[in-house]
Amino acid sequence: MAASGYAADQGTKAWAKSALEPDRSREFIGTLLQLRLTDNPGAAFSIATNATWLLTVIAIAVIAVTIYFARRLRSKPWACALGLLIGGALGNLTDRFFRPPGGGRGHVVDFLELPHWPIFNVADICVVTAACLIALLAFLGIGIDGKRADDTKTSAAEDAS
């Protein structure tokens, strides 16, 4: 899942850089989804535009922590969620290192535009989808080991008897 998300992100960004003109909208699905190429030094909603290095450090930390927890995975839904998170974080991290001005301060390529919403990219879709899946799995009480919180409590109570 991480490799697919990363490849889709980097592939669509390469296409956008070669096919779109900066800051000019092109209708894709009417006015619902337009394509507008922009280089974003910050995060969503242009947060932290002057602290690109901080976003780089956060992305590295997210990837490292996710890989650490991934070793305990026994759940396919959690594997999908964490894979999407790694793929998306790595996609934007690649831009931070290899796009101008580079060195961990590079600008992320964004090109998908919805009405009344900041311009975003496939990596952002991966990260948001991962966050929604993680929230859903946590709400359902499903741990990364694939067990429901209720199952763990029941087996612990049975062991104590």
N, C-alpha and C. Protein backbone atom coordinates (compact mmCIF):
# COMPACT_ATOMS: atom_id res chain seq x y z
N MET A 1 0.83 -1.18 0.00
CA MET A 1 0.00 0.00 0.00
C MET A 1 0.88 1.26 0.00
N ALA A 2 1.95 1.23 0.78
CA ALA A 2 2.86 2.39 0.83
C ALA A 2 3.48 2.63 -0.54
N ALA A 3 3.94 1.57 -1.18
CA ALA A 3 4.57 1.72 -2.50
C ALA A 3 3.58 2.22 -3.54
N SER A 4 2.35 1.72 -3.49
CA SER A 4 1.32 2.17 -4.44
C SER A 4 0.99 3.64 -4.24
N GLY A 5 0.80 4.05 -2.99
CA GLY A 5 0.50 5.44 -2.70
C GLY A 5 1.63 6.36 -3.13
N TYR A 6 2.85 5.94 -2.82
CA TYR A 6 4.03 6.73 -3.17
C TYR A 6 4.17 6.85 -4.69
N ALA A 7 4.03 5.73 -5.39
CA ALA A 7 4.16 5.74 -6.85
C ALA A 7 3.07 6.60 -7.50
N ALA A 8 1.84 6.47 -7.02
CA ALA A 8 0.74 7.28 -7.56
C ALA A 8 1.01 8.77 -7.32
N ASP A 9 1.49 9.10 -6.14
CA ASP A 9 1.78 10.50 -5.82
C ASP A 9 2.88 11.05 -6.71
N GLN A 10 4.00 10.37 -6.77
CA GLN A 10 5.13 10.88 -7.54
C GLN A 10 4.83 10.88 -9.04
N GLY A 11 4.10 9.87 -9.51
CA GLY A 11 3.73 9.82 -10.92
C GLY A 11 2.80 10.96 -11.32
N THR A 12 1.79 11.23 -10.49
CA THR A 12 0.86 12.32 -10.82
C THR A 12 1.53 13.68 -10.69
N LYS A 13 2.46 13.82 -9.76
CA LYS A 13 3.18 15.09 -9.64
C LYS A 13 4.07 15.32 -10.86
N ALA A 14 4.73 14.27 -11.34
CA ALA A 14 5.57 14.40 -12.53
C ALA A 14 4.70 14.79 -13.73
N TRP A 15 3.54 14.15 -13.84
CA TRP A 15 2.62 14.50 -14.92
C TRP A 15 2.18 15.96 -14.80
N ALA A 16 1.78 16.37 -13.60
CA ALA A 16 1.30 17.74 -13.38
C ALA A 16 2.37 18.76 -13.74
N LYS A 17 3.62 18.51 -13.35
CA LYS A 17 4.71 19.44 -13.65
C LYS A 17 4.94 19.57 -15.16
N SER A 18 4.70 18.47 -15.90
CA SER A 18 4.95 18.52 -17.34
C SER A 18 3.73 18.97 -18.15
N ALA A 19 2.53 18.79 -17.62
CA ALA A 19 1.32 19.05 -18.41
C ALA A 19 0.55 20.31 -18.03
N LEU A 20 0.79 20.84 -16.84
CA LEU A 20 0.01 21.98 -16.37
C LEU A 20 0.86 23.23 -16.28
N GLU A 21 0.22 24.37 -16.50
CA GLU A 21 0.91 25.65 -16.33
C GLU A 21 0.69 26.14 -14.91
N PRO A 22 1.71 26.70 -14.28
CA PRO A 22 1.57 27.16 -12.89
C PRO A 22 0.43 28.17 -12.72
N ASP A 23 -0.36 27.93 -11.68
CA ASP A 23 -1.42 28.83 -11.24
C ASP A 23 -2.47 29.15 -12.31
N ARG A 24 -2.69 28.23 -13.25
CA ARG A 24 -3.77 28.37 -14.24
C ARG A 24 -4.68 27.16 -14.11
N SER A 25 -5.96 27.41 -13.88
CA SER A 25 -6.92 26.32 -13.69
C SER A 25 -7.27 25.65 -15.01
N ARG A 26 -7.46 24.35 -14.91
CA ARG A 26 -7.94 23.56 -16.04
C ARG A 26 -9.06 22.68 -15.50
N GLU A 27 -10.24 22.77 -16.13
CA GLU A 27 -11.35 21.94 -15.67
C GLU A 27 -11.02 20.47 -15.91
N PHE A 28 -11.34 19.66 -14.93
CA PHE A 28 -11.13 18.22 -15.04
C PHE A 28 -12.48 17.51 -14.95
N ILE A 29 -13.20 17.76 -13.88
CA ILE A 29 -14.58 17.27 -13.73
C ILE A 29 -15.43 18.53 -13.52
N GLY A 30 -15.68 19.22 -14.62
CA GLY A 30 -16.41 20.48 -14.55
C GLY A 30 -15.72 21.43 -13.59
N THR A 31 -16.53 22.10 -12.77
CA THR A 31 -15.95 22.99 -11.76
C THR A 31 -15.78 22.27 -10.43
N LEU A 32 -16.23 21.01 -10.36
CA LEU A 32 -16.10 20.24 -9.11
C LEU A 32 -14.63 19.95 -8.79
N LEU A 33 -13.89 19.51 -9.79
CA LEU A 33 -12.47 19.23 -9.60
C LEU A 33 -11.70 19.87 -10.74
N GLN A 34 -10.83 20.79 -10.38
CA GLN A 34 -10.00 21.45 -11.37
C GLN A 34 -8.54 21.13 -11.09
N LEU A 35 -7.73 21.31 -12.10
CA LEU A 35 -6.29 21.09 -11.97
C LEU A 35 -5.61 22.46 -11.98
N ARG A 36 -4.83 22.73 -10.95
CA ARG A 36 -4.10 24.01 -10.84
C ARG A 36 -2.75 23.72 -10.18
N LEU A 37 -1.71 23.84 -10.96
CA LEU A 37 -0.36 23.54 -10.47
C LEU A 37 0.16 24.66 -9.57
N THR A 38 0.62 24.26 -8.41
CA THR A 38 1.24 25.23 -7.49
C THR A 38 2.32 24.53 -6.67
N ASP A 39 3.31 25.28 -6.26
CA ASP A 39 4.36 24.77 -5.38
C ASP A 39 4.07 25.30 -3.98
N ASN A 40 3.86 24.41 -3.04
CA ASN A 40 3.43 24.77 -1.69
C ASN A 40 4.57 24.59 -0.69
N PRO A 41 5.06 25.68 -0.11
CA PRO A 41 6.13 25.55 0.89
C PRO A 41 5.62 25.07 2.25
N GLY A 42 4.31 25.13 2.46
CA GLY A 42 3.74 24.78 3.77
C GLY A 42 2.99 23.47 3.74
N ALA A 43 2.07 23.36 4.69
CA ALA A 43 1.21 22.18 4.79
C ALA A 43 -0.18 22.60 4.32
N ALA A 44 -1.17 21.76 4.59
CA ALA A 44 -2.55 22.07 4.21
C ALA A 44 -2.95 23.45 4.73
N PHE A 45 -3.77 24.15 3.96
CA PHE A 45 -4.22 25.50 4.31
C PHE A 45 -3.04 26.47 4.44
N SER A 46 -1.92 26.14 3.80
CA SER A 46 -0.70 26.96 3.83
C SER A 46 -0.16 27.18 5.24
N ILE A 47 -0.40 26.21 6.11
CA ILE A 47 0.13 26.27 7.47
C ILE A 47 1.64 26.07 7.43
N ALA A 48 2.36 26.81 8.22
CA ALA A 48 3.81 26.67 8.41
C ALA A 48 4.61 26.92 7.14
N THR A 49 4.19 27.89 6.34
CA THR A 49 4.93 28.18 5.11
C THR A 49 6.35 28.67 5.39
N ASN A 50 6.59 29.23 6.56
CA ASN A 50 7.93 29.69 6.90
C ASN A 50 8.70 28.68 7.75
N ALA A 51 8.14 27.51 7.94
CA ALA A 51 8.79 26.47 8.75
C ALA A 51 8.81 25.14 8.00
N THR A 52 9.21 25.21 6.73
CA THR A 52 9.24 24.00 5.90
C THR A 52 10.12 22.92 6.53
N TRP A 53 11.23 23.32 7.13
CA TRP A 53 12.13 22.36 7.77
C TRP A 53 11.41 21.60 8.87
N LEU A 54 10.50 22.27 9.60
CA LEU A 54 9.74 21.62 10.67
C LEU A 54 8.81 20.56 10.09
N LEU A 55 8.20 20.85 8.95
CA LEU A 55 7.34 19.87 8.28
C LEU A 55 8.15 18.66 7.85
N THR A 56 9.38 18.89 7.43
CA THR A 56 10.28 17.79 7.05
C THR A 56 10.57 16.90 8.25
N VAL A 57 10.89 17.50 9.38
CA VAL A 57 11.18 16.74 10.60
C VAL A 57 9.94 15.96 11.04
N ILE A 58 8.78 16.58 10.98
CA ILE A 58 7.54 15.90 11.37
C ILE A 58 7.28 14.71 10.45
N ALA A 59 7.48 14.88 9.15
CA ALA A 59 7.26 13.77 8.20
C ALA A 59 8.21 12.62 8.49
N ILE A 60 9.46 12.92 8.78
CA ILE A 60 10.43 11.87 9.11
C ILE A 60 10.00 11.14 10.38
N ALA A 61 9.56 11.88 11.38
CA ALA A 61 9.11 11.28 12.64
C ALA A 61 7.88 10.40 12.42
N VAL A 62 6.93 10.87 11.62
CA VAL A 62 5.72 10.08 11.34
C VAL A 62 6.09 8.77 10.66
N ILE A 63 6.97 8.83 9.68
CA ILE A 63 7.39 7.62 8.98
C ILE A 63 8.10 6.66 9.94
N ALA A 64 9.01 7.17 10.76
CA ALA A 64 9.76 6.31 11.69
C ALA A 64 8.83 5.65 12.71
N VAL A 65 7.93 6.42 13.30
CA VAL A 65 7.00 5.87 14.30
C VAL A 65 6.07 4.85 13.65
N THR A 66 5.60 5.15 12.45
CA THR A 66 4.70 4.23 11.75
C THR A 66 5.40 2.92 11.43
N ILE A 67 6.64 2.98 10.98
CA ILE A 67 7.40 1.75 10.70
C ILE A 67 7.61 0.96 11.99
N TYR A 68 7.87 1.65 13.09
CA TYR A 68 8.05 0.98 14.38
C TYR A 68 6.78 0.19 14.75
N PHE A 69 5.62 0.83 14.65
CA PHE A 69 4.37 0.16 14.99
C PHE A 69 3.99 -0.91 13.97
N ALA A 70 4.40 -0.74 12.74
CA ALA A 70 4.06 -1.70 11.68
C ALA A 70 4.62 -3.09 11.97
N ARG A 71 5.67 -3.16 12.75
CA ARG A 71 6.26 -4.47 13.08
C ARG A 71 5.30 -5.34 13.87
N ARG A 72 4.34 -4.72 14.57
CA ARG A 72 3.39 -5.48 15.38
C ARG A 72 2.06 -5.71 14.67
N LEU A 73 1.99 -5.37 13.41
CA LEU A 73 0.73 -5.48 12.66
C LEU A 73 0.26 -6.92 12.51
N ARG A 74 -1.02 -7.12 12.75
CA ARG A 74 -1.66 -8.40 12.50
C ARG A 74 -3.04 -8.16 11.89
N SER A 75 -3.26 -6.95 11.43
CA SER A 75 -4.56 -6.53 10.93
C SER A 75 -4.41 -5.93 9.53
N LYS A 76 -5.16 -6.48 8.56
CA LYS A 76 -5.09 -5.94 7.19
C LYS A 76 -5.59 -4.50 7.11
N PRO A 77 -6.71 -4.16 7.79
CA PRO A 77 -7.13 -2.75 7.73
C PRO A 77 -6.08 -1.79 8.29
N TRP A 78 -5.43 -2.18 9.39
CA TRP A 78 -4.36 -1.34 9.94
C TRP A 78 -3.17 -1.28 8.98
N ALA A 79 -2.87 -2.39 8.33
CA ALA A 79 -1.77 -2.40 7.36
C ALA A 79 -2.07 -1.43 6.21
N CYS A 80 -3.31 -1.42 5.75
CA CYS A 80 -3.70 -0.47 4.69
C CYS A 80 -3.56 0.96 5.18
N ALA A 81 -4.08 1.23 6.37
CA ALA A 81 -4.03 2.59 6.91
C ALA A 81 -2.59 3.07 7.08
N LEU A 82 -1.76 2.25 7.70
CA LEU A 82 -0.37 2.66 7.94
C LEU A 82 0.42 2.73 6.63
N GLY A 83 0.10 1.84 5.69
CA GLY A 83 0.74 1.90 4.37
C GLY A 83 0.42 3.20 3.65
N LEU A 84 -0.85 3.60 3.70
CA LEU A 84 -1.24 4.88 3.09
C LEU A 84 -0.54 6.05 3.77
N LEU A 85 -0.44 5.98 5.09
CA LEU A 85 0.23 7.04 5.84
C LEU A 85 1.69 7.16 5.44
N ILE A 86 2.38 6.04 5.36
CA ILE A 86 3.79 6.05 4.96
C ILE A 86 3.94 6.54 3.52
N GLY A 87 3.12 6.02 2.61
CA GLY A 87 3.20 6.42 1.21
C GLY A 87 2.98 7.91 1.02
N GLY A 88 1.97 8.46 1.70
CA GLY A 88 1.69 9.89 1.60
C GLY A 88 2.77 10.75 2.22
N ALA A 89 3.20 10.38 3.41
CA ALA A 89 4.25 11.15 4.08
C ALA A 89 5.55 11.11 3.28
N LEU A 90 5.87 9.94 2.75
CA LEU A 90 7.10 9.80 1.96
C LEU A 90 7.00 10.58 0.64
N GLY A 91 5.81 10.62 0.05
CA GLY A 91 5.62 11.38 -1.19
C GLY A 91 5.92 12.86 -0.99
N ASN A 92 5.34 13.45 0.05
CA ASN A 92 5.60 14.87 0.30
C ASN A 92 7.01 15.10 0.82
N LEU A 93 7.56 14.14 1.57
CA LEU A 93 8.93 14.26 2.05
C LEU A 93 9.92 14.27 0.88
N THR A 94 9.65 13.46 -0.12
CA THR A 94 10.50 13.44 -1.32
C THR A 94 10.55 14.83 -1.95
N ASP A 95 9.38 15.48 -2.04
CA ASP A 95 9.36 16.84 -2.58
C ASP A 95 10.19 17.78 -1.71
N ARG A 96 10.08 17.65 -0.41
CA ARG A 96 10.81 18.54 0.50
C ARG A 96 12.33 18.43 0.28
N PHE A 97 12.80 17.23 -0.04
CA PHE A 97 14.24 17.04 -0.23
C PHE A 97 14.71 17.34 -1.65
N PHE A 98 13.89 17.04 -2.65
CA PHE A 98 14.39 17.08 -4.03
C PHE A 98 13.80 18.17 -4.92
N ARG A 99 12.83 18.91 -4.45
CA ARG A 99 12.30 20.01 -5.25
C ARG A 99 12.85 21.33 -4.69
N PRO A 100 12.96 22.34 -5.55
CA PRO A 100 13.53 23.61 -5.10
C PRO A 100 12.78 24.18 -3.89
N PRO A 101 13.46 24.80 -2.95
CA PRO A 101 14.90 25.02 -2.89
C PRO A 101 15.68 23.80 -2.38
N GLY A 102 15.03 22.68 -2.08
CA GLY A 102 15.72 21.45 -1.70
C GLY A 102 16.22 21.42 -0.28
N GLY A 103 16.98 20.37 0.02
CA GLY A 103 17.60 20.25 1.33
C GLY A 103 16.64 20.21 2.50
N GLY A 104 15.49 19.60 2.32
CA GLY A 104 14.51 19.53 3.39
C GLY A 104 13.60 20.74 3.46
N ARG A 105 13.83 21.70 2.55
CA ARG A 105 13.01 22.91 2.53
C ARG A 105 12.26 23.07 1.21
N GLY A 106 12.25 22.00 0.40
CA GLY A 106 11.61 22.07 -0.90
C GLY A 106 10.10 22.25 -0.82
N HIS A 107 9.54 22.73 -1.90
CA HIS A 107 8.10 22.97 -1.96
C HIS A 107 7.39 21.74 -2.52
N VAL A 108 6.25 21.42 -1.95
CA VAL A 108 5.45 20.27 -2.37
C VAL A 108 4.62 20.66 -3.58
N VAL A 109 4.54 19.77 -4.56
CA VAL A 109 3.73 19.99 -5.76
C VAL A 109 2.28 19.66 -5.43
N ASP A 110 1.41 20.65 -5.56
CA ASP A 110 -0.03 20.46 -5.39
C ASP A 110 -0.70 20.80 -6.72
N PHE A 111 -1.80 20.09 -7.04
CA PHE A 111 -2.44 20.35 -8.33
C PHE A 111 -3.92 20.00 -8.38
N LEU A 112 -4.50 19.46 -7.34
CA LEU A 112 -5.92 19.10 -7.33
C LEU A 112 -6.68 20.17 -6.56
N GLU A 113 -7.73 20.71 -7.18
CA GLU A 113 -8.44 21.83 -6.56
C GLU A 113 -9.94 21.57 -6.54
N LEU A 114 -10.51 21.59 -5.35
CA LEU A 114 -11.95 21.52 -5.15
C LEU A 114 -12.44 22.93 -4.81
N PRO A 115 -13.73 23.22 -5.07
CA PRO A 115 -14.23 24.54 -4.70
C PRO A 115 -14.09 24.80 -3.20
N HIS A 116 -13.62 25.98 -2.86
CA HIS A 116 -13.52 26.42 -1.45
C HIS A 116 -12.64 25.50 -0.61
N TRP A 117 -11.60 24.95 -1.21
CA TRP A 117 -10.71 24.04 -0.50
C TRP A 117 -9.29 24.28 -0.99
N PRO A 118 -8.29 24.13 -0.13
CA PRO A 118 -6.90 24.33 -0.58
C PRO A 118 -6.51 23.31 -1.66
N ILE A 119 -5.58 23.68 -2.49
CA ILE A 119 -5.07 22.79 -3.53
C ILE A 119 -4.26 21.69 -2.84
N PHE A 120 -4.36 20.46 -3.33
CA PHE A 120 -3.72 19.32 -2.68
C PHE A 120 -3.18 18.35 -3.71
N ASN A 121 -2.66 17.20 -3.26
CA ASN A 121 -2.08 16.20 -4.15
C ASN A 121 -2.46 14.79 -3.68
N VAL A 122 -1.98 13.79 -4.38
CA VAL A 122 -2.31 12.40 -4.06
C VAL A 122 -1.73 12.00 -2.70
N ALA A 123 -0.56 12.50 -2.35
CA ALA A 123 0.01 12.20 -1.02
C ALA A 123 -0.92 12.68 0.08
N ASP A 124 -1.50 13.85 -0.11
CA ASP A 124 -2.45 14.38 0.87
C ASP A 124 -3.68 13.48 0.98
N ILE A 125 -4.15 12.98 -0.16
CA ILE A 125 -5.29 12.06 -0.15
C ILE A 125 -4.93 10.81 0.65
N CYS A 126 -3.73 10.29 0.45
CA CYS A 126 -3.28 9.10 1.19
C CYS A 126 -3.26 9.37 2.69
N VAL A 127 -2.71 10.51 3.10
CA VAL A 127 -2.60 10.84 4.53
C VAL A 127 -3.98 11.03 5.15
N VAL A 128 -4.87 11.73 4.47
CA VAL A 128 -6.21 11.97 5.02
C VAL A 128 -7.00 10.66 5.08
N THR A 129 -6.90 9.84 4.05
CA THR A 129 -7.58 8.53 4.06
C THR A 129 -7.04 7.68 5.19
N ALA A 130 -5.73 7.68 5.39
CA ALA A 130 -5.12 6.93 6.49
C ALA A 130 -5.65 7.42 7.83
N ALA A 131 -5.72 8.73 8.01
CA ALA A 131 -6.21 9.29 9.27
C ALA A 131 -7.66 8.87 9.53
N CYS A 132 -8.48 8.88 8.49
CA CYS A 132 -9.88 8.46 8.64
C CYS A 132 -9.97 6.98 8.99
N LEU A 133 -9.17 6.15 8.32
CA LEU A 133 -9.15 4.71 8.63
C LEU A 133 -8.67 4.45 10.06
N ILE A 134 -7.64 5.14 10.47
CA ILE A 134 -7.11 4.98 11.83
C ILE A 134 -8.17 5.39 12.85
N ALA A 135 -8.85 6.49 12.61
CA ALA A 135 -9.92 6.93 13.52
C ALA A 135 -11.05 5.91 13.57
N LEU A 136 -11.43 5.37 12.42
CA LEU A 136 -12.49 4.36 12.38
C LEU A 136 -12.07 3.09 13.12
N LEU A 137 -10.87 2.62 12.88
CA LEU A 137 -10.39 1.41 13.55
C LEU A 137 -10.31 1.62 15.06
N ALA A 138 -9.85 2.78 15.48
CA ALA A 138 -9.80 3.08 16.91
C ALA A 138 -11.21 3.14 17.50
N PHE A 139 -12.14 3.77 16.77
CA PHE A 139 -13.52 3.85 17.23
C PHE A 139 -14.14 2.46 17.37
N LEU A 140 -13.82 1.58 16.43
CA LEU A 140 -14.34 0.21 16.48
C LEU A 140 -13.60 -0.65 17.50
N GLY A 141 -12.54 -0.12 18.07
CA GLY A 141 -11.78 -0.86 19.08
C GLY A 141 -10.90 -1.95 18.51
N ILE A 142 -10.50 -1.80 17.26
CA ILE A 142 -9.64 -2.81 16.62
C ILE A 142 -8.19 -2.37 16.75
N GLY A 143 -7.39 -3.17 17.44
CA GLY A 143 -5.98 -2.86 17.64
C GLY A 143 -5.14 -3.26 16.45
N ILE A 144 -3.88 -2.83 16.44
CA ILE A 144 -3.01 -3.17 15.32
C ILE A 144 -2.71 -4.67 15.27
N ASP A 145 -3.00 -5.35 16.38
CA ASP A 145 -2.85 -6.80 16.40
C ASP A 145 -4.07 -7.50 15.81
N GLY A 146 -5.07 -6.73 15.38
CA GLY A 146 -6.27 -7.29 14.77
C GLY A 146 -7.34 -7.68 15.76
N LYS A 147 -7.06 -7.56 17.04
CA LYS A 147 -8.03 -7.94 18.06
C LYS A 147 -8.85 -6.73 18.48
N ARG A 148 -10.11 -7.01 18.78
CA ARG A 148 -10.99 -5.95 19.30
C ARG A 148 -10.70 -5.77 20.78
N ALA A 149 -10.85 -4.57 21.26
CA ALA A 149 -10.59 -4.27 22.67
C ALA A 149 -11.48 -5.14 23.56
N ASP A 150 -12.72 -5.41 23.16
CA ASP A 150 -13.63 -6.26 23.94
C ASP A 150 -13.10 -7.68 24.04
N ASP A 151 -12.51 -8.20 22.94
CA ASP A 151 -11.97 -9.56 22.94
C ASP A 151 -10.81 -9.68 23.93
N THR A 152 -9.98 -8.65 24.00
CA THR A 152 -8.83 -8.65 24.90
C THR A 152 -9.30 -8.66 26.35
N LYS A 153 -10.31 -7.85 26.66
CA LYS A 153 -10.84 -7.79 28.03
C LYS A 153 -11.48 -9.11 28.41
N THR A 154 -12.23 -9.73 27.48
CA THR A 154 -12.90 -11.00 27.75
C THR A 154 -11.89 -12.10 28.02
N SER A 155 -10.84 -12.19 27.18
CA SER A 155 -9.85 -13.25 27.38
C SER A 155 -9.05 -13.02 28.66
N ALA A 156 -8.79 -11.76 29.03
CA ALA A 156 -8.08 -11.48 30.28
C ALA A 156 -8.94 -11.87 31.47
N ALA A 157 -10.25 -11.62 31.39
CA ALA A 157 -11.16 -11.99 32.48
C ALA A 157 -11.26 -13.50 32.60
N GLU A 158 -11.27 -14.21 31.45
CA GLU A 158 -11.34 -15.67 31.48
C GLU A 158 -10.06 -16.26 32.06
N ASP A 159 -8.91 -15.66 31.73
CA ASP A 159 -7.64 -16.13 32.26
C ASP A 159 -7.57 -15.94 33.77
N ALA A 160 -8.18 -14.88 34.28
CA ALA A 160 -8.15 -14.60 35.71
C ALA A 160 -9.03 -15.55 36.50
N SER A 161 -10.05 -16.14 35.85
CA SER A 161 -10.98 -17.03 36.57
C SER A 161 -10.42 -18.37 36.84
